[in-house]
Amino acid sequence: MSDDTRNVGAPDRDRIHVNDADAPQYCTKTFGVGAEALRAAVQRVGPVAASVRQRLGA
């Protein structure tokens, strides 16, 4: 099996990666909250998007 770093596969839409450059920007826009609220929600309930959405009431 080769380790081709150019082939990263499909993005995981079920999880929020707050350290990724694009994910927080997309999620703050989608959920209608600021970056700090998003980080706090992820820290509280974990990175699963459905749990974060429920926590934020979005």
C-alpha atoms as a PDB file:
ATOM      1  CA  MET A   1       0.000   0.000   0.000  1.00  0.00           C
ATOM      2  CA  SER A   2       1.444   3.366  -0.956  1.00  0.00           C
ATOM      3  CA  ASP A   3       1.199   6.522   1.096  1.00  0.00           C
ATOM      4  CA  ASP A   4       0.125   8.938  -1.618  1.00  0.00           C
ATOM      5  CA  THR A   5      -0.412  12.201   0.256  1.00  0.00           C
ATOM      6  CA  ARG A   6      -2.081  13.750  -2.801  1.00  0.00           C
ATOM      7  CA  ASN A   7      -4.993  11.331  -2.478  1.00  0.00           C
ATOM      8  CA  VAL A   8      -6.600  12.386   0.792  1.00  0.00           C
ATOM      9  CA  GLY A   9     -10.089  11.090   0.074  1.00  0.00           C
ATOM     10  CA  ALA A  10     -13.421  12.751   0.649  1.00  0.00           C
ATOM     11  CA  PRO A  11     -13.805  15.266   3.478  1.00  0.00           C
ATOM     12  CA  ASP A  12     -15.504  14.047   6.637  1.00  0.00           C
ATOM     13  CA  ARG A  13     -18.674  16.168   6.789  1.00  0.00           C
ATOM     14  CA  ASP A  14     -19.846  14.500  10.008  1.00  0.00           C
ATOM     15  CA  ARG A  15     -17.059  16.043  12.089  1.00  0.00           C
ATOM     16  CA  ILE A  16     -15.914  19.603  12.711  1.00  0.00           C
ATOM     17  CA  HIS A  17     -12.170  20.084  12.627  1.00  0.00           C
ATOM     18  CA  VAL A  18     -11.610  23.423  14.388  1.00  0.00           C
ATOM     19  CA  ASN A  19      -7.877  23.332  13.603  1.00  0.00           C
ATOM     20  CA  ASP A  20      -8.511  23.036   9.866  1.00  0.00           C
ATOM     21  CA  ALA A  21      -8.257  26.319   7.955  1.00  0.00           C
ATOM     22  CA  ASP A  22     -11.633  26.071   6.174  1.00  0.00           C
ATOM     23  CA  ALA A  23     -13.907  24.141   8.541  1.00  0.00           C
ATOM     24  CA  PRO A  24     -14.425  26.814  11.229  1.00  0.00           C
ATOM     25  CA  GLN A  25     -15.231  29.464   8.628  1.00  0.00           C
ATOM     26  CA  TYR A  26     -17.771  27.205   6.919  1.00  0.00           C
ATOM     27  CA  CYS A  27     -19.348  26.092  10.209  1.00  0.00           C
ATOM     28  CA  THR A  28     -19.638  29.565  11.727  1.00  0.00           C
ATOM     29  CA  LYS A  29     -21.453  30.682   8.588  1.00  0.00           C
ATOM     30  CA  THR A  30     -23.649  27.569   8.510  1.00  0.00           C
ATOM     31  CA  PHE A  31     -24.548  27.646  12.217  1.00  0.00           C
ATOM     32  CA  GLY A  32     -24.730  31.445  12.432  1.00  0.00           C
ATOM     33  CA  VAL A  33     -22.320  31.733  15.370  1.00  0.00           C
ATOM     34  CA  GLY A  34     -18.888  33.186  15.998  1.00  0.00           C
ATOM     35  CA  ALA A  35     -15.631  31.265  16.055  1.00  0.00           C
ATOM     36  CA  GLU A  36     -15.410  31.272  19.857  1.00  0.00           C
ATOM     37  CA  ALA A  37     -18.946  29.888  20.241  1.00  0.00           C
ATOM     38  CA  LEU A  38     -18.103  27.157  17.740  1.00  0.00           C
ATOM     39  CA  ARG A  39     -14.885  26.231  19.558  1.00  0.00           C
ATOM     40  CA  ALA A  40     -16.693  26.186  22.908  1.00  0.00           C
ATOM     41  CA  ALA A  41     -19.423  23.915  21.528  1.00  0.00           C
ATOM     42  CA  VAL A  42     -16.882  21.518  20.010  1.00  0.00           C
ATOM     43  CA  GLN A  43     -14.952  21.458  23.275  1.00  0.00           C
ATOM     44  CA  ARG A  44     -18.155  20.773  25.231  1.00  0.00           C
ATOM     45  CA  VAL A  45     -19.802  18.072  23.060  1.00  0.00           C
ATOM     46  CA  GLY A  46     -17.006  16.896  20.750  1.00  0.00           C
ATOM     47  CA  PRO A  47     -16.449  17.265  17.011  1.00  0.00           C
ATOM     48  CA  VAL A  48     -19.575  15.473  15.750  1.00  0.00           C
ATOM     49  CA  ALA A  49     -21.453  18.024  13.637  1.00  0.00           C
ATOM     50  CA  ALA A  50     -24.930  16.860  14.702  1.00  0.00           C
ATOM     51  CA  SER A  51     -24.050  17.259  18.392  1.00  0.00           C
ATOM     52  CA  VAL A  52     -22.558  20.705  17.813  1.00  0.00           C
ATOM     53  CA  ARG A  53     -25.619  21.751  15.811  1.00  0.00           C
ATOM     54  CA  GLN A  54     -27.895  20.609  18.639  1.00  0.00           C
ATOM     55  CA  ARG A  55     -25.756  22.359  21.277  1.00  0.00           C
ATOM     56  CA  LEU A  56     -25.864  25.624  19.326  1.00  0.00           C
ATOM     57  CA  GLY A  57     -29.578  25.299  18.620  1.00  0.00           C
ATOM     58  CA  ALA A  58     -28.955  25.652  14.892  1.00  0.00           C
END
